[in-house]
Amino acid sequence: MTDETRYFTDQAAYDPDVVELMDSVLEEACRQALQYAHVSDSVRSSLARATMEGVQRGMRDAEQLVEFVMSAIPAARDALERDEASGGCSSLAVTAGAGVGEECP
Protein backbone atom coordinates (compact mmCIF):
# COMPACT_ATOMS: atom_id res chain seq x y z
CA MET A 1 0.00 0.00 0.00
CA THR A 2 1.42 3.39 -1.01
CA ASP A 3 1.57 6.44 1.24
CA GLU A 4 -1.14 8.01 -0.89
CA THR A 5 -3.38 4.98 -0.42
CA ARG A 6 -2.84 5.21 3.33
CA TYR A 7 -3.97 8.83 3.06
CA PHE A 8 -7.08 7.72 1.14
CA THR A 9 -8.00 5.20 3.78
CA ASP A 10 -7.29 7.63 6.63
CA GLN A 11 -9.66 10.20 5.10
CA ALA A 12 -12.67 7.97 4.49
CA ALA A 13 -13.82 4.40 4.82
CA TYR A 14 -13.34 2.60 1.50
CA ASP A 15 -14.02 -0.98 0.58
CA PRO A 16 -10.74 -2.95 0.20
CA ASP A 17 -11.49 -3.44 -3.51
CA VAL A 18 -11.80 0.32 -3.97
CA VAL A 19 -8.52 0.90 -2.12
CA GLU A 20 -6.86 -1.63 -4.44
CA LEU A 21 -8.40 0.12 -7.46
CA MET A 22 -7.14 3.51 -6.28
CA ASP A 23 -3.66 2.14 -5.67
CA SER A 24 -3.42 0.47 -9.10
CA VAL A 25 -4.89 3.52 -10.88
CA LEU A 26 -2.42 5.83 -9.16
CA GLU A 27 0.51 3.61 -10.13
CA GLU A 28 -0.68 3.41 -13.75
CA ALA A 29 -1.25 7.18 -13.90
CA CYS A 30 2.27 7.81 -12.54
CA ARG A 31 3.68 5.43 -15.15
CA GLN A 32 1.80 7.19 -17.94
CA ALA A 33 2.68 10.64 -16.56
CA LEU A 34 6.37 9.98 -17.18
CA GLN A 35 5.81 10.71 -20.88
CA TYR A 36 4.69 14.25 -19.99
CA ALA A 37 6.60 15.27 -16.88
CA HIS A 38 8.96 14.23 -14.14
CA VAL A 39 6.77 12.57 -11.53
CA SER A 40 7.77 14.62 -8.53
CA ASP A 41 6.08 14.36 -5.15
CA SER A 42 3.81 17.27 -6.08
CA VAL A 43 2.77 15.63 -9.38
CA ARG A 44 2.14 12.33 -7.58
CA SER A 45 0.06 14.18 -4.97
CA SER A 46 -1.99 15.85 -7.72
CA LEU A 47 -2.60 12.47 -9.31
CA ALA A 48 -3.57 11.01 -5.93
CA ARG A 49 -6.07 13.83 -5.32
CA ALA A 50 -7.52 13.30 -8.80
CA THR A 51 -7.81 9.56 -8.09
CA MET A 52 -9.70 10.27 -4.90
CA GLU A 53 -11.95 12.77 -6.67
CA GLY A 54 -12.81 10.26 -9.38
CA VAL A 55 -13.67 7.61 -6.81
CA GLN A 56 -15.78 10.11 -4.88
CA ARG A 57 -17.65 10.81 -8.15
CA GLY A 58 -18.45 7.10 -8.34
CA MET A 59 -15.91 6.01 -10.97
CA ARG A 60 -15.01 2.34 -10.58
CA ASP A 61 -13.81 1.48 -14.09
CA ALA A 62 -9.99 1.48 -14.12
CA GLU A 63 -9.69 2.76 -17.70
CA GLN A 64 -12.11 5.63 -17.12
CA LEU A 65 -10.48 6.50 -13.80
CA VAL A 66 -6.93 6.54 -15.24
CA GLU A 67 -8.09 8.82 -18.04
CA PHE A 68 -9.78 11.12 -15.51
CA VAL A 69 -6.66 11.16 -13.31
CA MET A 70 -4.40 11.90 -16.27
CA SER A 71 -6.49 15.00 -16.99
CA ALA A 72 -4.82 16.50 -13.90
CA ILE A 73 -1.67 16.91 -16.04
CA PRO A 74 -2.18 19.72 -18.57
CA ALA A 75 0.03 18.11 -21.27
CA ALA A 76 -1.85 14.82 -20.93
CA ARG A 77 -5.20 16.62 -21.05
CA ASP A 78 -4.11 18.42 -24.25
CA ALA A 79 -3.02 15.12 -25.84
CA LEU A 80 -6.33 13.48 -24.93
CA GLU A 81 -8.28 16.39 -26.43
CA ARG A 82 -6.22 16.16 -29.65
CA ASP A 83 -6.87 12.40 -29.87
CA GLU A 84 -10.60 12.88 -29.37
CA ALA A 85 -10.78 15.78 -31.86
CA SER A 86 -9.02 13.72 -34.53
CA GLY A 87 -11.47 10.85 -34.06
CA GLY A 88 -8.68 8.50 -32.99
CA CYS A 89 -8.48 6.44 -29.90
CA SER A 90 -6.93 7.90 -26.79
CA SER A 91 -3.19 7.51 -26.42
CA LEU A 92 -3.97 7.18 -22.72
CA ALA A 93 -5.98 4.02 -23.31
CA VAL A 94 -5.59 1.24 -20.78
CA THR A 95 -5.97 -2.37 -21.75
CA ALA A 96 -9.19 -3.55 -20.14
CA GLY A 97 -8.56 -5.67 -17.12
CA ALA A 98 -4.80 -5.66 -17.48
CA GLY A 99 -4.15 -2.20 -16.10
CA VAL A 100 -1.26 -1.74 -18.51
CA GLY A 101 -1.05 1.30 -20.78
CA GLU A 102 -1.22 0.66 -24.48
CA GLU A 103 -0.60 2.99 -27.39
CA CYS A 104 -3.22 3.33 -30.11
CA PRO A 105 -2.60 1.30 -33.27
C-alpha atoms as a PDB file:
ATOM      1  CA  MET A   1       0.000   0.000   0.000  1.00  0.00           C
ATOM      2  CA  THR A   2       1.424   3.385  -1.007  1.00  0.00           C
ATOM      3  CA  ASP A   3       1.572   6.439   1.240  1.00  0.00           C
ATOM      4  CA  GLU A   4      -1.135   8.006  -0.887  1.00  0.00           C
ATOM      5  CA  THR A   5      -3.381   4.981  -0.419  1.00  0.00           C
ATOM      6  CA  ARG A   6      -2.843   5.207   3.328  1.00  0.00           C
ATOM      7  CA  TYR A   7      -3.972   8.832   3.059  1.00  0.00           C
ATOM      8  CA  PHE A   8      -7.080   7.721   1.137  1.00  0.00           C
ATOM      9  CA  THR A   9      -8.003   5.200   3.776  1.00  0.00           C
ATOM     10  CA  ASP A  10      -7.291   7.628   6.631  1.00  0.00           C
ATOM     11  CA  GLN A  11      -9.664  10.200   5.096  1.00  0.00           C
ATOM     12  CA  ALA A  12     -12.667   7.966   4.488  1.00  0.00           C
ATOM     13  CA  ALA A  13     -13.818   4.400   4.820  1.00  0.00           C
ATOM     14  CA  TYR A  14     -13.343   2.604   1.504  1.00  0.00           C
ATOM     15  CA  ASP A  15     -14.022  -0.980   0.585  1.00  0.00           C
ATOM     16  CA  PRO A  16     -10.738  -2.950   0.203  1.00  0.00           C
ATOM     17  CA  ASP A  17     -11.494  -3.444  -3.513  1.00  0.00           C
ATOM     18  CA  VAL A  18     -11.803   0.325  -3.972  1.00  0.00           C
ATOM     19  CA  VAL A  19      -8.521   0.896  -2.125  1.00  0.00           C
ATOM     20  CA  GLU A  20      -6.856  -1.632  -4.442  1.00  0.00           C
ATOM     21  CA  LEU A  21      -8.396   0.115  -7.459  1.00  0.00           C
ATOM     22  CA  MET A  22      -7.143   3.514  -6.282  1.00  0.00           C
ATOM     23  CA  ASP A  23      -3.661   2.137  -5.673  1.00  0.00           C
ATOM     24  CA  SER A  24      -3.423   0.473  -9.101  1.00  0.00           C
ATOM     25  CA  VAL A  25      -4.892   3.517 -10.885  1.00  0.00           C
ATOM     26  CA  LEU A  26      -2.418   5.829  -9.161  1.00  0.00           C
ATOM     27  CA  GLU A  27       0.507   3.608 -10.130  1.00  0.00           C
ATOM     28  CA  GLU A  28      -0.678   3.412 -13.752  1.00  0.00           C
ATOM     29  CA  ALA A  29      -1.246   7.176 -13.897  1.00  0.00           C
ATOM     30  CA  CYS A  30       2.266   7.807 -12.540  1.00  0.00           C
ATOM     31  CA  ARG A  31       3.681   5.430 -15.145  1.00  0.00           C
ATOM     32  CA  GLN A  32       1.799   7.192 -17.941  1.00  0.00           C
ATOM     33  CA  ALA A  33       2.684  10.635 -16.558  1.00  0.00           C
ATOM     34  CA  LEU A  34       6.369   9.975 -17.177  1.00  0.00           C
ATOM     35  CA  GLN A  35       5.809  10.707 -20.877  1.00  0.00           C
ATOM     36  CA  TYR A  36       4.687  14.249 -19.993  1.00  0.00           C
ATOM     37  CA  ALA A  37       6.599  15.271 -16.883  1.00  0.00           C
ATOM     38  CA  HIS A  38       8.960  14.235 -14.145  1.00  0.00           C
ATOM     39  CA  VAL A  39       6.767  12.565 -11.529  1.00  0.00           C
ATOM     40  CA  SER A  40       7.768  14.624  -8.527  1.00  0.00           C
ATOM     41  CA  ASP A  41       6.083  14.358  -5.151  1.00  0.00           C
ATOM     42  CA  SER A  42       3.810  17.269  -6.082  1.00  0.00           C
ATOM     43  CA  VAL A  43       2.771  15.630  -9.376  1.00  0.00           C
ATOM     44  CA  ARG A  44       2.137  12.334  -7.582  1.00  0.00           C
ATOM     45  CA  SER A  45       0.057  14.179  -4.968  1.00  0.00           C
ATOM     46  CA  SER A  46      -1.986  15.851  -7.716  1.00  0.00           C
ATOM     47  CA  LEU A  47      -2.603  12.467  -9.315  1.00  0.00           C
ATOM     48  CA  ALA A  48      -3.574  11.013  -5.931  1.00  0.00           C
ATOM     49  CA  ARG A  49      -6.065  13.833  -5.319  1.00  0.00           C
ATOM     50  CA  ALA A  50      -7.524  13.304  -8.797  1.00  0.00           C
ATOM     51  CA  THR A  51      -7.809   9.560  -8.089  1.00  0.00           C
ATOM     52  CA  MET A  52      -9.703  10.266  -4.900  1.00  0.00           C
ATOM     53  CA  GLU A  53     -11.946  12.774  -6.673  1.00  0.00           C
ATOM     54  CA  GLY A  54     -12.806  10.258  -9.382  1.00  0.00           C
ATOM     55  CA  VAL A  55     -13.668   7.606  -6.815  1.00  0.00           C
ATOM     56  CA  GLN A  56     -15.784  10.108  -4.879  1.00  0.00           C
ATOM     57  CA  ARG A  57     -17.649  10.806  -8.148  1.00  0.00           C
ATOM     58  CA  GLY A  58     -18.449   7.096  -8.343  1.00  0.00           C
ATOM     59  CA  MET A  59     -15.912   6.013 -10.970  1.00  0.00           C
ATOM     60  CA  ARG A  60     -15.013   2.337 -10.581  1.00  0.00           C
ATOM     61  CA  ASP A  61     -13.813   1.479 -14.089  1.00  0.00           C
ATOM     62  CA  ALA A  62      -9.986   1.482 -14.121  1.00  0.00           C
ATOM     63  CA  GLU A  63      -9.694   2.764 -17.703  1.00  0.00           C
ATOM     64  CA  GLN A  64     -12.114   5.628 -17.117  1.00  0.00           C
ATOM     65  CA  LEU A  65     -10.477   6.500 -13.803  1.00  0.00           C
ATOM     66  CA  VAL A  66      -6.930   6.537 -15.236  1.00  0.00           C
ATOM     67  CA  GLU A  67      -8.095   8.821 -18.042  1.00  0.00           C
ATOM     68  CA  PHE A  68      -9.776  11.115 -15.509  1.00  0.00           C
ATOM     69  CA  VAL A  69      -6.664  11.159 -13.312  1.00  0.00           C
ATOM     70  CA  MET A  70      -4.404  11.904 -16.271  1.00  0.00           C
ATOM     71  CA  SER A  71      -6.495  15.001 -16.992  1.00  0.00           C
ATOM     72  CA  ALA A  72      -4.818  16.500 -13.904  1.00  0.00           C
ATOM     73  CA  ILE A  73      -1.673  16.905 -16.042  1.00  0.00           C
ATOM     74  CA  PRO A  74      -2.182  19.722 -18.574  1.00  0.00           C
ATOM     75  CA  ALA A  75       0.027  18.115 -21.272  1.00  0.00           C
ATOM     76  CA  ALA A  76      -1.848  14.820 -20.933  1.00  0.00           C
ATOM     77  CA  ARG A  77      -5.196  16.619 -21.053  1.00  0.00           C
ATOM     78  CA  ASP A  78      -4.113  18.417 -24.246  1.00  0.00           C
ATOM     79  CA  ALA A  79      -3.017  15.119 -25.841  1.00  0.00           C
ATOM     80  CA  LEU A  80      -6.327  13.483 -24.934  1.00  0.00           C
ATOM     81  CA  GLU A  81      -8.282  16.387 -26.431  1.00  0.00           C
ATOM     82  CA  ARG A  82      -6.225  16.165 -29.654  1.00  0.00           C
ATOM     83  CA  ASP A  83      -6.870  12.404 -29.866  1.00  0.00           C
ATOM     84  CA  GLU A  84     -10.604  12.883 -29.371  1.00  0.00           C
ATOM     85  CA  ALA A  85     -10.777  15.781 -31.861  1.00  0.00           C
ATOM     86  CA  SER A  86      -9.022  13.724 -34.534  1.00  0.00           C
ATOM     87  CA  GLY A  87     -11.465  10.855 -34.061  1.00  0.00           C
ATOM     88  CA  GLY A  88      -8.677   8.503 -32.993  1.00  0.00           C
ATOM     89  CA  CYS A  89      -8.483   6.444 -29.895  1.00  0.00           C
ATOM     90  CA  SER A  90      -6.932   7.897 -26.786  1.00  0.00           C
ATOM     91  CA  SER A  91      -3.188   7.509 -26.423  1.00  0.00           C
ATOM     92  CA  LEU A  92      -3.966   7.181 -22.724  1.00  0.00           C
ATOM     93  CA  ALA A  93      -5.981   4.020 -23.307  1.00  0.00           C
ATOM     94  CA  VAL A  94      -5.587   1.244 -20.779  1.00  0.00           C
ATOM     95  CA  THR A  95      -5.968  -2.371 -21.754  1.00  0.00           C
ATOM     96  CA  ALA A  96      -9.186  -3.546 -20.142  1.00  0.00           C
ATOM     97  CA  GLY A  97      -8.563  -5.674 -17.116  1.00  0.00           C
ATOM     98  CA  ALA A  98      -4.796  -5.661 -17.484  1.00  0.00           C
ATOM     99  CA  GLY A  99      -4.147  -2.197 -16.104  1.00  0.00           C
ATOM    100  CA  VAL A 100      -1.263  -1.741 -18.514  1.00  0.00           C
ATOM    101  CA  GLY A 101      -1.052   1.296 -20.777  1.00  0.00           C
ATOM    102  CA  GLU A 102      -1.217   0.659 -24.477  1.00  0.00           C
ATOM    103  CA  GLU A 103      -0.602   2.994 -27.394  1.00  0.00           C
ATOM    104  CA  CYS A 104      -3.225   3.327 -30.106  1.00  0.00           C
ATOM    105  CA  PRO A 105      -2.596   1.302 -33.266  1.00  0.00           C
END
